[in-house]
Amino acid sequence: MNELEGLVQRTKAGLVIAHHFAKGDCTAKSAMDRMSGAGAWARDPDSLVVLTPHEEPHAFTVSTILRHLPMLDEFVLQWDFPLMRLAPHLNPEALRKPQSKNKVCTDNEFVERFVGTTPTARGSIVAEAAKAGISSATTDRFLKRLTESGVIRCGAGLYCSPEG
């Protein structure tokens, strides 16, 4: 890292390095600790932009670590060839996990199948999810997480996507 820092100082140029994650499930680690190799790769730079695979296909949660600037809230980008587009409807916390730990459905699937755009009572959502083999406790976790992240909204005990 000292050699790279010297290069930056001598040339007065910015330096961008692409790096990769360690093997295994990195979702339980902080964004800074997901990288492979020595900790200096994550702790030396002034700014890090970490793209972690999202549970939705072709989507990535973006985490930033900024030494000299205010931290940014995590957000999701989705690949829409040839561009990466902001995906505000996706929950940044819904990171892709190894197959054995996947949720019964993705957040998007849950919203589309059980919440929708028409305000719906919790009981109706629980009943429909139960038909698909999703317990009421799991349904409540989906509703809580999706409401807290702004993916769905709740008013007067009724849930719906923001479009509703």
C-alpha atoms as a PDB file:
ATOM      1  CA  MET A   1       0.000   0.000   0.000  1.00  0.00           C
ATOM      2  CA  ASN A   2       2.964   2.325   0.628  1.00  0.00           C
ATOM      3  CA  GLU A   3       4.092   1.853  -2.996  1.00  0.00           C
ATOM      4  CA  LEU A   4       0.625   2.762  -4.253  1.00  0.00           C
ATOM      5  CA  GLU A   5       0.480   5.791  -1.944  1.00  0.00           C
ATOM      6  CA  GLY A   6       3.868   6.894  -3.276  1.00  0.00           C
ATOM      7  CA  LEU A   7       2.591   6.597  -6.855  1.00  0.00           C
ATOM      8  CA  VAL A   8      -0.398   8.793  -5.998  1.00  0.00           C
ATOM      9  CA  GLN A   9       1.843  11.397  -4.345  1.00  0.00           C
ATOM     10  CA  ARG A  10       4.341  11.491  -7.230  1.00  0.00           C
ATOM     11  CA  THR A  11       1.731  11.726  -9.990  1.00  0.00           C
ATOM     12  CA  LYS A  12      -0.932  13.746  -8.130  1.00  0.00           C
ATOM     13  CA  ALA A  13      -3.427  11.287  -9.639  1.00  0.00           C
ATOM     14  CA  GLY A  14      -6.341   9.481  -8.101  1.00  0.00           C
ATOM     15  CA  LEU A  15      -6.102   5.715  -7.797  1.00  0.00           C
ATOM     16  CA  VAL A  16      -8.957   3.236  -8.162  1.00  0.00           C
ATOM     17  CA  ILE A  17      -8.408  -0.389  -7.229  1.00  0.00           C
ATOM     18  CA  ALA A  18     -10.859  -3.194  -7.955  1.00  0.00           C
ATOM     19  CA  HIS A  19     -10.736  -5.979  -5.380  1.00  0.00           C
ATOM     20  CA  HIS A  20     -12.746  -9.109  -4.547  1.00  0.00           C
ATOM     21  CA  PHE A  21     -14.402 -10.671  -1.537  1.00  0.00           C
ATOM     22  CA  ALA A  22     -13.090 -13.560   0.497  1.00  0.00           C
ATOM     23  CA  LYS A  23     -14.625 -16.981  -0.115  1.00  0.00           C
ATOM     24  CA  GLY A  24     -17.728 -18.010   1.787  1.00  0.00           C
ATOM     25  CA  ASP A  25     -20.679 -16.083   3.172  1.00  0.00           C
ATOM     26  CA  CYS A  26     -19.613 -12.468   3.587  1.00  0.00           C
ATOM     27  CA  THR A  27     -23.065 -11.079   4.398  1.00  0.00           C
ATOM     28  CA  ALA A  28     -22.578 -11.276   8.169  1.00  0.00           C
ATOM     29  CA  LYS A  29     -19.409  -9.158   7.967  1.00  0.00           C
ATOM     30  CA  SER A  30     -19.266  -5.377   7.785  1.00  0.00           C
ATOM     31  CA  ALA A  31     -18.681  -4.001   4.285  1.00  0.00           C
ATOM     32  CA  MET A  32     -15.081  -3.156   5.183  1.00  0.00           C
ATOM     33  CA  ASP A  33     -14.343  -6.731   6.291  1.00  0.00           C
ATOM     34  CA  ARG A  34     -15.751  -8.498   3.215  1.00  0.00           C
ATOM     35  CA  MET A  35     -12.588  -8.092   1.156  1.00  0.00           C
ATOM     36  CA  SER A  36     -10.090 -10.862   0.642  1.00  0.00           C
ATOM     37  CA  GLY A  37      -6.548 -10.654   1.976  1.00  0.00           C
ATOM     38  CA  ALA A  38      -4.894  -8.277   4.402  1.00  0.00           C
ATOM     39  CA  GLY A  39      -6.981  -5.706   6.248  1.00  0.00           C
ATOM     40  CA  ALA A  40      -4.874  -2.903   4.779  1.00  0.00           C
ATOM     41  CA  TRP A  41      -6.782  -3.274   1.495  1.00  0.00           C
ATOM     42  CA  ALA A  42      -9.851  -1.968   3.302  1.00  0.00           C
ATOM     43  CA  ARG A  43      -8.330   0.223   6.008  1.00  0.00           C
ATOM     44  CA  ASP A  44      -5.747   2.219   4.046  1.00  0.00           C
ATOM     45  CA  PRO A  45      -7.901   3.890   1.332  1.00  0.00           C
ATOM     46  CA  ASP A  46      -9.646   7.188   2.004  1.00  0.00           C
ATOM     47  CA  SER A  47     -12.821   6.017   0.250  1.00  0.00           C
ATOM     48  CA  LEU A  48     -14.306   2.591  -0.378  1.00  0.00           C
ATOM     49  CA  VAL A  49     -17.308   1.721  -2.503  1.00  0.00           C
ATOM     50  CA  VAL A  50     -18.377  -1.872  -1.830  1.00  0.00           C
ATOM     51  CA  LEU A  51     -20.858  -3.663  -4.113  1.00  0.00           C
ATOM     52  CA  THR A  52     -22.341  -6.740  -2.438  1.00  0.00           C
ATOM     53  CA  PRO A  53     -24.643  -9.069  -4.405  1.00  0.00           C
ATOM     54  CA  HIS A  54     -28.315  -8.453  -3.587  1.00  0.00           C
ATOM     55  CA  GLU A  55     -30.881 -11.251  -3.364  1.00  0.00           C
ATOM     56  CA  GLU A  56     -32.552  -9.882  -6.510  1.00  0.00           C
ATOM     57  CA  PRO A  57     -30.833 -10.937  -9.739  1.00  0.00           C
ATOM     58  CA  HIS A  58     -28.380  -8.450 -11.263  1.00  0.00           C
ATOM     59  CA  ALA A  59     -28.637  -6.135  -8.245  1.00  0.00           C
ATOM     60  CA  PHE A  60     -26.007  -4.952  -5.753  1.00  0.00           C
ATOM     61  CA  THR A  61     -26.162  -3.213  -2.391  1.00  0.00           C
ATOM     62  CA  VAL A  62     -23.741  -0.290  -2.377  1.00  0.00           C
ATOM     63  CA  SER A  63     -21.960   0.506   0.883  1.00  0.00           C
ATOM     64  CA  THR A  64     -19.526   3.390   1.237  1.00  0.00           C
ATOM     65  CA  ILE A  65     -16.748   3.938   3.727  1.00  0.00           C
ATOM     66  CA  LEU A  66     -15.565   7.537   3.504  1.00  0.00           C
ATOM     67  CA  ARG A  67     -12.725   8.801   5.674  1.00  0.00           C
ATOM     68  CA  HIS A  68     -13.183  12.550   5.071  1.00  0.00           C
ATOM     69  CA  LEU A  69     -16.857  12.820   4.094  1.00  0.00           C
ATOM     70  CA  PRO A  70     -20.169  12.054   5.812  1.00  0.00           C
ATOM     71  CA  MET A  71     -21.279   8.445   5.494  1.00  0.00           C
ATOM     72  CA  LEU A  72     -23.924   7.671   2.882  1.00  0.00           C
ATOM     73  CA  ASP A  73     -26.905   5.416   3.538  1.00  0.00           C
ATOM     74  CA  GLU A  74     -26.663   2.089   1.737  1.00  0.00           C
ATOM     75  CA  PHE A  75     -28.590   1.853  -1.524  1.00  0.00           C
ATOM     76  CA  VAL A  76     -29.194  -0.668  -4.308  1.00  0.00           C
ATOM     77  CA  LEU A  77     -28.153  -0.554  -7.953  1.00  0.00           C
ATOM     78  CA  GLN A  78     -29.577  -2.910 -10.568  1.00  0.00           C
ATOM     79  CA  TRP A  79     -27.844  -3.826 -13.824  1.00  0.00           C
ATOM     80  CA  ASP A  80     -29.968  -2.728 -16.775  1.00  0.00           C
ATOM     81  CA  PHE A  81     -27.612  -3.252 -19.706  1.00  0.00           C
ATOM     82  CA  PRO A  82     -25.647  -1.151 -20.414  1.00  0.00           C
ATOM     83  CA  LEU A  83     -26.266   0.867 -17.218  1.00  0.00           C
ATOM     84  CA  MET A  84     -26.391   0.401 -13.474  1.00  0.00           C
ATOM     85  CA  ARG A  85     -29.597   2.102 -12.314  1.00  0.00           C
ATOM     86  CA  LEU A  86     -30.673   3.168  -8.840  1.00  0.00           C
ATOM     87  CA  ALA A  87     -33.256   0.680  -7.474  1.00  0.00           C
ATOM     88  CA  PRO A  88     -34.984   2.522  -4.594  1.00  0.00           C
ATOM     89  CA  HIS A  89     -37.690  -0.169  -4.419  1.00  0.00           C
ATOM     90  CA  LEU A  90     -35.139  -2.759  -3.240  1.00  0.00           C
ATOM     91  CA  ASN A  91     -34.135  -3.182   0.400  1.00  0.00           C
ATOM     92  CA  PRO A  92     -30.355  -2.689   0.801  1.00  0.00           C
ATOM     93  CA  GLU A  93     -30.270  -5.169   3.688  1.00  0.00           C
ATOM     94  CA  ALA A  94     -31.505  -8.040   1.494  1.00  0.00           C
ATOM     95  CA  LEU A  95     -28.079  -9.419   0.594  1.00  0.00           C
ATOM     96  CA  ARG A  96     -27.737 -12.666  -1.346  1.00  0.00           C
ATOM     97  CA  LYS A  97     -26.881 -15.518   0.984  1.00  0.00           C
ATOM     98  CA  PRO A  98     -25.545 -18.989   0.222  1.00  0.00           C
ATOM     99  CA  GLN A  99     -28.259 -21.291  -1.111  1.00  0.00           C
ATOM    100  CA  SER A 100     -28.712 -23.118   2.187  1.00  0.00           C
ATOM    101  CA  LYS A 101     -29.570 -19.858   3.977  1.00  0.00           C
ATOM    102  CA  ASN A 102     -31.863 -18.227   1.393  1.00  0.00           C
ATOM    103  CA  LYS A 103     -35.163 -16.794   2.527  1.00  0.00           C
ATOM    104  CA  VAL A 104     -38.338 -18.535   1.361  1.00  0.00           C
ATOM    105  CA  CYS A 105     -38.746 -15.723  -1.167  1.00  0.00           C
ATOM    106  CA  THR A 106     -37.054 -12.445  -1.991  1.00  0.00           C
ATOM    107  CA  ASP A 107     -38.371  -9.141  -0.688  1.00  0.00           C
ATOM    108  CA  ASN A 108     -39.627  -8.251  -4.178  1.00  0.00           C
ATOM    109  CA  GLU A 109     -41.445 -11.572  -4.505  1.00  0.00           C
ATOM    110  CA  PHE A 110     -43.020 -11.107  -1.071  1.00  0.00           C
ATOM    111  CA  VAL A 111     -44.286  -7.608  -1.931  1.00  0.00           C
ATOM    112  CA  GLU A 112     -45.610  -8.697  -5.328  1.00  0.00           C
ATOM    113  CA  ARG A 113     -47.283 -11.905  -4.073  1.00  0.00           C
ATOM    114  CA  PHE A 114     -48.658 -10.852  -0.700  1.00  0.00           C
ATOM    115  CA  VAL A 115     -48.668  -7.063  -0.257  1.00  0.00           C
ATOM    116  CA  GLY A 116     -49.320  -5.434  -3.634  1.00  0.00           C
ATOM    117  CA  THR A 117     -50.461  -1.890  -4.314  1.00  0.00           C
ATOM    118  CA  THR A 118     -53.905  -2.160  -2.677  1.00  0.00           C
ATOM    119  CA  PRO A 119     -53.880  -1.528   1.099  1.00  0.00           C
ATOM    120  CA  THR A 120     -54.176  -4.946   2.737  1.00  0.00           C
ATOM    121  CA  ALA A 121     -54.643  -5.990   6.365  1.00  0.00           C
ATOM    122  CA  ARG A 122     -51.947  -7.994   8.113  1.00  0.00           C
ATOM    123  CA  GLY A 123     -54.342 -10.925   8.608  1.00  0.00           C
ATOM    124  CA  SER A 124     -54.982 -11.234   4.883  1.00  0.00           C
ATOM    125  CA  ILE A 125     -51.255 -11.085   4.145  1.00  0.00           C
ATOM    126  CA  VAL A 126     -50.547 -13.750   6.792  1.00  0.00           C
ATOM    127  CA  ALA A 127     -53.309 -15.997   5.374  1.00  0.00           C
ATOM    128  CA  GLU A 128     -52.026 -15.738   1.787  1.00  0.00           C
ATOM    129  CA  ALA A 129     -48.418 -16.274   2.861  1.00  0.00           C
ATOM    130  CA  ALA A 130     -49.472 -19.330   4.908  1.00  0.00           C
ATOM    131  CA  LYS A 131     -50.927 -20.890   1.740  1.00  0.00           C
ATOM    132  CA  ALA A 132     -47.432 -20.577   0.266  1.00  0.00           C
ATOM    133  CA  GLY A 133     -45.855 -22.231   3.323  1.00  0.00           C
ATOM    134  CA  ILE A 134     -44.637 -19.052   5.029  1.00  0.00           C
ATOM    135  CA  SER A 135     -45.228 -18.917   8.792  1.00  0.00           C
ATOM    136  CA  SER A 136     -46.898 -15.936  10.456  1.00  0.00           C
ATOM    137  CA  ALA A 137     -43.643 -15.201  12.323  1.00  0.00           C
ATOM    138  CA  THR A 138     -41.713 -15.084   9.037  1.00  0.00           C
ATOM    139  CA  THR A 139     -44.444 -12.930   7.488  1.00  0.00           C
ATOM    140  CA  ASP A 140     -44.214 -10.523  10.433  1.00  0.00           C
ATOM    141  CA  ARG A 141     -40.417 -10.318   9.982  1.00  0.00           C
ATOM    142  CA  PHE A 142     -40.905  -9.494   6.284  1.00  0.00           C
ATOM    143  CA  LEU A 143     -43.509  -6.817   7.106  1.00  0.00           C
ATOM    144  CA  LYS A 144     -41.362  -5.244   9.835  1.00  0.00           C
ATOM    145  CA  ARG A 145     -38.166  -5.204   7.770  1.00  0.00           C
ATOM    146  CA  LEU A 146     -39.878  -3.939   4.595  1.00  0.00           C
ATOM    147  CA  THR A 147     -41.768  -1.217   6.481  1.00  0.00           C
ATOM    148  CA  GLU A 148     -38.643  -0.036   8.341  1.00  0.00           C
ATOM    149  CA  SER A 149     -36.655   0.135   5.104  1.00  0.00           C
ATOM    150  CA  GLY A 150     -39.431   2.031   3.272  1.00  0.00           C
ATOM    151  CA  VAL A 151     -40.057  -0.701   0.684  1.00  0.00           C
ATOM    152  CA  ILE A 152     -43.691  -0.882   1.845  1.00  0.00           C
ATOM    153  CA  ARG A 153     -45.766   1.438   3.962  1.00  0.00           C
ATOM    154  CA  CYS A 154     -48.267   0.837   6.715  1.00  0.00           C
ATOM    155  CA  GLY A 155     -51.137   3.079   7.742  1.00  0.00           C
ATOM    156  CA  ALA A 156     -54.171   2.277   9.871  1.00  0.00           C
ATOM    157  CA  GLY A 157     -52.999  -1.348  10.056  1.00  0.00           C
ATOM    158  CA  LEU A 158     -52.974  -1.723   6.261  1.00  0.00           C
ATOM    159  CA  TYR A 159     -49.856  -2.501   4.221  1.00  0.00           C
ATOM    160  CA  CYS A 160     -49.114  -1.637   0.596  1.00  0.00           C
ATOM    161  CA  SER A 161     -46.233  -0.788  -1.692  1.00  0.00           C
ATOM    162  CA  PRO A 162     -45.484   2.940  -2.029  1.00  0.00           C
ATOM    163  CA  GLU A 163     -47.257   3.020  -5.418  1.00  0.00           C
ATOM    164  CA  GLY A 164     -50.544   2.080  -3.718  1.00  0.00           C
END
